[in-house]
Amino acid sequence: MKLGRIIGRVVSTIKVESFDGLKLLLVQPLDEKLEKAGDPIVAVDMIQSGIGELIYFETSKEAGRVLETTMNPCDAAIMGIVDEVSVEKIASRKL
């Protein structure tokens, strides 16, 4: 899973049947420091998230599995809203 922030909406009046009734959102991928990590992507919203929220999402084959139809063109799906991110510093050591 990957971290991201919802930065916008994508409106599409005509889309494939498997996307009917689903919201499409623009997601900015983030790294563990919550800094931009690549270009924004369009993702299917499975959890009713909103603009500005920190989320986690999945891409590739795994993203398509969240939809009921087995054959669908989903490349990215929002899976959950993140409440908190905590990253511990690990001291480097010589081997």
N, C-alpha and C. Protein backbone atom coordinates (compact mmCIF):
# COMPACT_ATOMS: atom_id res chain seq x y z
N MET A 1 0.83 -1.17 0.00
CA MET A 1 0.00 0.00 0.00
C MET A 1 0.88 1.24 0.00
N LYS A 2 0.29 2.32 -0.48
CA LYS A 2 1.02 3.56 -0.63
C LYS A 2 0.26 4.70 0.04
N LEU A 3 0.99 5.72 0.47
CA LEU A 3 0.37 6.90 1.07
C LEU A 3 0.08 7.93 0.00
N GLY A 4 -0.97 8.72 0.22
CA GLY A 4 -1.30 9.79 -0.71
C GLY A 4 -2.21 10.81 -0.06
N ARG A 5 -2.39 11.93 -0.75
CA ARG A 5 -3.32 12.95 -0.29
C ARG A 5 -4.26 13.27 -1.44
N ILE A 6 -5.55 13.39 -1.12
CA ILE A 6 -6.55 13.72 -2.12
C ILE A 6 -6.40 15.20 -2.46
N ILE A 7 -6.16 15.49 -3.75
CA ILE A 7 -5.95 16.88 -4.15
C ILE A 7 -7.01 17.39 -5.12
N GLY A 8 -7.92 16.52 -5.53
CA GLY A 8 -8.95 16.98 -6.45
C GLY A 8 -9.90 15.87 -6.86
N ARG A 9 -10.88 16.27 -7.68
CA ARG A 9 -11.87 15.33 -8.20
C ARG A 9 -11.73 15.22 -9.70
N VAL A 10 -12.14 14.08 -10.23
CA VAL A 10 -12.17 13.87 -11.67
C VAL A 10 -13.63 13.58 -12.02
N VAL A 11 -14.20 14.38 -12.91
CA VAL A 11 -15.59 14.20 -13.31
C VAL A 11 -15.63 13.55 -14.68
N SER A 12 -16.36 12.45 -14.77
CA SER A 12 -16.49 11.72 -16.03
C SER A 12 -17.94 11.28 -16.17
N THR A 13 -18.64 11.85 -17.15
CA THR A 13 -20.05 11.50 -17.32
C THR A 13 -20.22 10.19 -18.07
N ILE A 14 -19.23 9.82 -18.85
CA ILE A 14 -19.28 8.55 -19.58
C ILE A 14 -18.06 7.73 -19.17
N LYS A 15 -18.31 6.53 -18.63
CA LYS A 15 -17.21 5.67 -18.19
C LYS A 15 -17.62 4.21 -18.31
N VAL A 16 -16.68 3.32 -18.13
CA VAL A 16 -16.98 1.89 -18.24
C VAL A 16 -17.99 1.50 -17.16
N GLU A 17 -18.77 0.48 -17.44
CA GLU A 17 -19.83 0.03 -16.54
C GLU A 17 -19.36 -0.27 -15.13
N SER A 18 -18.18 -0.87 -15.00
CA SER A 18 -17.69 -1.25 -13.67
C SER A 18 -17.38 -0.04 -12.79
N PHE A 19 -17.31 1.16 -13.37
CA PHE A 19 -17.06 2.38 -12.60
C PHE A 19 -18.34 3.15 -12.29
N ASP A 20 -19.50 2.68 -12.77
CA ASP A 20 -20.76 3.38 -12.53
C ASP A 20 -21.01 3.53 -11.03
N GLY A 21 -21.34 4.75 -10.61
CA GLY A 21 -21.64 5.01 -9.21
C GLY A 21 -20.43 5.25 -8.34
N LEU A 22 -19.23 5.16 -8.91
CA LEU A 22 -18.00 5.35 -8.12
C LEU A 22 -17.41 6.74 -8.38
N LYS A 23 -16.83 7.31 -7.33
CA LYS A 23 -16.19 8.62 -7.42
C LYS A 23 -14.73 8.42 -7.82
N LEU A 24 -14.25 9.28 -8.71
CA LEU A 24 -12.85 9.26 -9.12
C LEU A 24 -12.17 10.49 -8.51
N LEU A 25 -11.05 10.26 -7.84
CA LEU A 25 -10.33 11.34 -7.17
C LEU A 25 -8.89 11.42 -7.65
N LEU A 26 -8.34 12.62 -7.58
CA LEU A 26 -6.95 12.85 -7.94
C LEU A 26 -6.11 12.72 -6.68
N VAL A 27 -5.12 11.83 -6.71
CA VAL A 27 -4.30 11.51 -5.54
C VAL A 27 -2.85 11.89 -5.80
N GLN A 28 -2.26 12.63 -4.86
CA GLN A 28 -0.83 12.93 -4.91
C GLN A 28 -0.11 11.89 -4.06
N PRO A 29 0.68 11.00 -4.68
CA PRO A 29 1.44 10.02 -3.89
C PRO A 29 2.45 10.73 -2.98
N LEU A 30 2.64 10.17 -1.78
CA LEU A 30 3.54 10.75 -0.78
C LEU A 30 4.52 9.70 -0.28
N ASP A 31 5.67 10.16 0.22
CA ASP A 31 6.62 9.24 0.84
C ASP A 31 6.36 9.19 2.35
N GLU A 32 7.23 8.52 3.09
CA GLU A 32 7.02 8.37 4.54
C GLU A 32 7.14 9.69 5.30
N LYS A 33 7.73 10.71 4.67
CA LYS A 33 7.84 12.04 5.29
C LYS A 33 6.68 12.94 4.86
N LEU A 34 5.72 12.34 4.15
CA LEU A 34 4.55 13.03 3.62
C LEU A 34 4.92 14.11 2.60
N GLU A 35 6.00 13.87 1.86
CA GLU A 35 6.42 14.76 0.78
C GLU A 35 6.06 14.11 -0.54
N LYS A 36 5.86 14.93 -1.57
CA LYS A 36 5.47 14.43 -2.90
C LYS A 36 6.41 13.32 -3.37
N ALA A 37 5.81 12.27 -3.92
CA ALA A 37 6.58 11.14 -4.43
C ALA A 37 6.04 10.74 -5.79
N GLY A 38 6.24 11.59 -6.77
CA GLY A 38 5.77 11.29 -8.12
C GLY A 38 4.61 12.17 -8.53
N ASP A 39 4.10 11.88 -9.72
CA ASP A 39 2.99 12.64 -10.29
C ASP A 39 1.66 12.19 -9.72
N PRO A 40 0.67 13.09 -9.69
CA PRO A 40 -0.67 12.70 -9.24
C PRO A 40 -1.28 11.62 -10.13
N ILE A 41 -2.15 10.81 -9.55
CA ILE A 41 -2.83 9.74 -10.29
C ILE A 41 -4.33 9.83 -10.01
N VAL A 42 -5.12 9.19 -10.86
CA VAL A 42 -6.56 9.09 -10.66
C VAL A 42 -6.83 7.75 -9.99
N ALA A 43 -7.64 7.78 -8.93
CA ALA A 43 -7.96 6.55 -8.20
C ALA A 43 -9.46 6.46 -7.94
N VAL A 44 -9.97 5.24 -7.95
CA VAL A 44 -11.36 4.98 -7.60
C VAL A 44 -11.49 5.10 -6.08
N ASP A 45 -12.49 5.85 -5.64
CA ASP A 45 -12.70 6.05 -4.20
C ASP A 45 -13.67 5.00 -3.67
N MET A 46 -13.18 4.09 -2.84
CA MET A 46 -14.01 3.02 -2.29
C MET A 46 -14.53 3.35 -0.90
N ILE A 47 -14.10 4.47 -0.30
CA ILE A 47 -14.41 4.73 1.11
C ILE A 47 -15.02 6.10 1.38
N GLN A 48 -15.38 6.84 0.34
CA GLN A 48 -15.98 8.17 0.50
C GLN A 48 -15.03 9.15 1.16
N SER A 49 -13.78 9.18 0.70
CA SER A 49 -12.81 10.14 1.22
C SER A 49 -13.03 11.49 0.53
N GLY A 50 -12.37 12.53 1.06
CA GLY A 50 -12.56 13.86 0.51
C GLY A 50 -11.26 14.60 0.29
N ILE A 51 -11.36 15.73 -0.37
CA ILE A 51 -10.19 16.54 -0.70
C ILE A 51 -9.46 16.95 0.57
N GLY A 52 -8.13 16.81 0.55
CA GLY A 52 -7.28 17.17 1.68
C GLY A 52 -6.97 16.02 2.61
N GLU A 53 -7.70 14.92 2.51
CA GLU A 53 -7.47 13.80 3.43
C GLU A 53 -6.23 13.00 3.05
N LEU A 54 -5.55 12.51 4.08
CA LEU A 54 -4.42 11.62 3.92
C LEU A 54 -4.98 10.20 3.83
N ILE A 55 -4.61 9.49 2.78
CA ILE A 55 -5.20 8.17 2.53
C ILE A 55 -4.11 7.15 2.23
N TYR A 56 -4.50 5.87 2.19
CA TYR A 56 -3.61 4.87 1.61
C TYR A 56 -4.35 4.23 0.46
N PHE A 57 -3.58 3.88 -0.57
CA PHE A 57 -4.17 3.35 -1.78
C PHE A 57 -3.34 2.20 -2.31
N GLU A 58 -3.92 1.48 -3.23
CA GLU A 58 -3.22 0.36 -3.86
C GLU A 58 -3.29 0.55 -5.37
N THR A 59 -2.29 0.06 -6.05
CA THR A 59 -2.26 0.16 -7.50
C THR A 59 -2.12 -1.23 -8.11
N SER A 60 -2.17 -1.27 -9.42
CA SER A 60 -1.94 -2.50 -10.18
C SER A 60 -3.10 -3.48 -10.02
N LYS A 61 -2.80 -4.75 -10.15
CA LYS A 61 -3.80 -5.81 -10.11
C LYS A 61 -4.60 -5.79 -8.81
N GLU A 62 -3.94 -5.48 -7.70
CA GLU A 62 -4.60 -5.47 -6.41
C GLU A 62 -5.70 -4.41 -6.35
N ALA A 63 -5.52 -3.29 -7.01
CA ALA A 63 -6.54 -2.23 -7.02
C ALA A 63 -7.83 -2.72 -7.68
N GLY A 64 -7.71 -3.47 -8.74
CA GLY A 64 -8.88 -3.97 -9.45
C GLY A 64 -9.70 -4.97 -8.66
N ARG A 65 -9.10 -5.56 -7.66
CA ARG A 65 -9.80 -6.58 -6.87
C ARG A 65 -10.85 -6.00 -5.93
N VAL A 66 -10.84 -4.69 -5.71
CA VAL A 66 -11.82 -4.09 -4.81
C VAL A 66 -13.19 -3.94 -5.46
N LEU A 67 -13.24 -4.01 -6.78
CA LEU A 67 -14.51 -3.91 -7.49
C LEU A 67 -15.14 -5.28 -7.65
N GLU A 68 -16.46 -5.33 -7.70
CA GLU A 68 -17.17 -6.60 -7.78
C GLU A 68 -16.92 -7.33 -9.10
N THR A 69 -16.78 -6.57 -10.19
CA THR A 69 -16.56 -7.21 -11.49
C THR A 69 -15.12 -7.69 -11.57
N THR A 70 -14.93 -8.90 -12.03
CA THR A 70 -13.58 -9.47 -12.07
C THR A 70 -12.70 -8.83 -13.13
N MET A 71 -13.28 -8.48 -14.25
CA MET A 71 -12.50 -7.84 -15.31
C MET A 71 -12.87 -6.36 -15.35
N ASN A 72 -11.97 -5.51 -14.86
CA ASN A 72 -12.20 -4.07 -14.87
C ASN A 72 -10.87 -3.35 -15.08
N PRO A 73 -10.92 -2.11 -15.55
CA PRO A 73 -9.69 -1.38 -15.86
C PRO A 73 -9.12 -0.56 -14.70
N CYS A 74 -9.44 -0.88 -13.47
CA CYS A 74 -9.00 -0.10 -12.32
C CYS A 74 -7.49 -0.26 -12.10
N ASP A 75 -6.77 0.86 -12.11
CA ASP A 75 -5.32 0.86 -11.87
C ASP A 75 -4.96 1.35 -10.47
N ALA A 76 -5.87 2.08 -9.81
CA ALA A 76 -5.60 2.59 -8.47
C ALA A 76 -6.91 2.71 -7.70
N ALA A 77 -6.88 2.30 -6.44
CA ALA A 77 -8.07 2.36 -5.59
C ALA A 77 -7.70 2.86 -4.20
N ILE A 78 -8.50 3.78 -3.68
CA ILE A 78 -8.30 4.30 -2.34
C ILE A 78 -8.90 3.29 -1.36
N MET A 79 -8.10 2.86 -0.40
CA MET A 79 -8.51 1.79 0.51
C MET A 79 -8.83 2.25 1.92
N GLY A 80 -8.26 3.37 2.37
CA GLY A 80 -8.51 3.80 3.73
C GLY A 80 -8.02 5.21 4.00
N ILE A 81 -8.52 5.80 5.08
CA ILE A 81 -8.09 7.12 5.53
C ILE A 81 -7.08 6.93 6.66
N VAL A 82 -5.97 7.66 6.58
CA VAL A 82 -4.89 7.54 7.57
C VAL A 82 -5.14 8.53 8.70
N ASP A 83 -5.12 8.04 9.92
CA ASP A 83 -5.29 8.90 11.09
C ASP A 83 -3.97 9.47 11.58
N GLU A 84 -2.89 8.68 11.46
CA GLU A 84 -1.60 9.12 11.99
C GLU A 84 -0.49 8.35 11.29
N VAL A 85 0.65 9.03 11.10
CA VAL A 85 1.85 8.40 10.55
C VAL A 85 2.98 8.64 11.54
N SER A 86 3.65 7.58 11.95
CA SER A 86 4.75 7.69 12.89
C SER A 86 5.94 6.92 12.32
N VAL A 87 7.05 7.62 12.15
CA VAL A 87 8.25 6.99 11.60
C VAL A 87 9.37 7.14 12.63
N GLU A 88 9.89 6.01 13.08
CA GLU A 88 10.99 6.03 14.04
C GLU A 88 12.31 6.09 13.30
N LYS A 89 13.25 6.83 13.85
CA LYS A 89 14.59 6.86 13.29
C LYS A 89 15.34 5.64 13.81
N ILE A 90 15.96 4.93 12.91
CA ILE A 90 16.76 3.78 13.29
C ILE A 90 18.22 4.18 13.20
N ALA A 91 18.94 4.02 14.30
CA ALA A 91 20.36 4.39 14.32
C ALA A 91 21.13 3.46 13.39
N SER A 92 21.98 4.07 12.58
CA SER A 92 22.80 3.24 11.70
C SER A 92 23.96 2.66 12.53
N ARG A 93 24.37 1.50 12.12
CA ARG A 93 25.47 0.86 12.84
C ARG A 93 26.41 0.19 11.83
N LYS A 94 27.65 0.11 12.20
CA LYS A 94 28.63 -0.52 11.33
C LYS A 94 28.63 -2.02 11.54
N LEU A 95 28.74 -2.74 10.45
CA LEU A 95 28.79 -4.20 10.54
C LEU A 95 30.21 -4.68 10.41
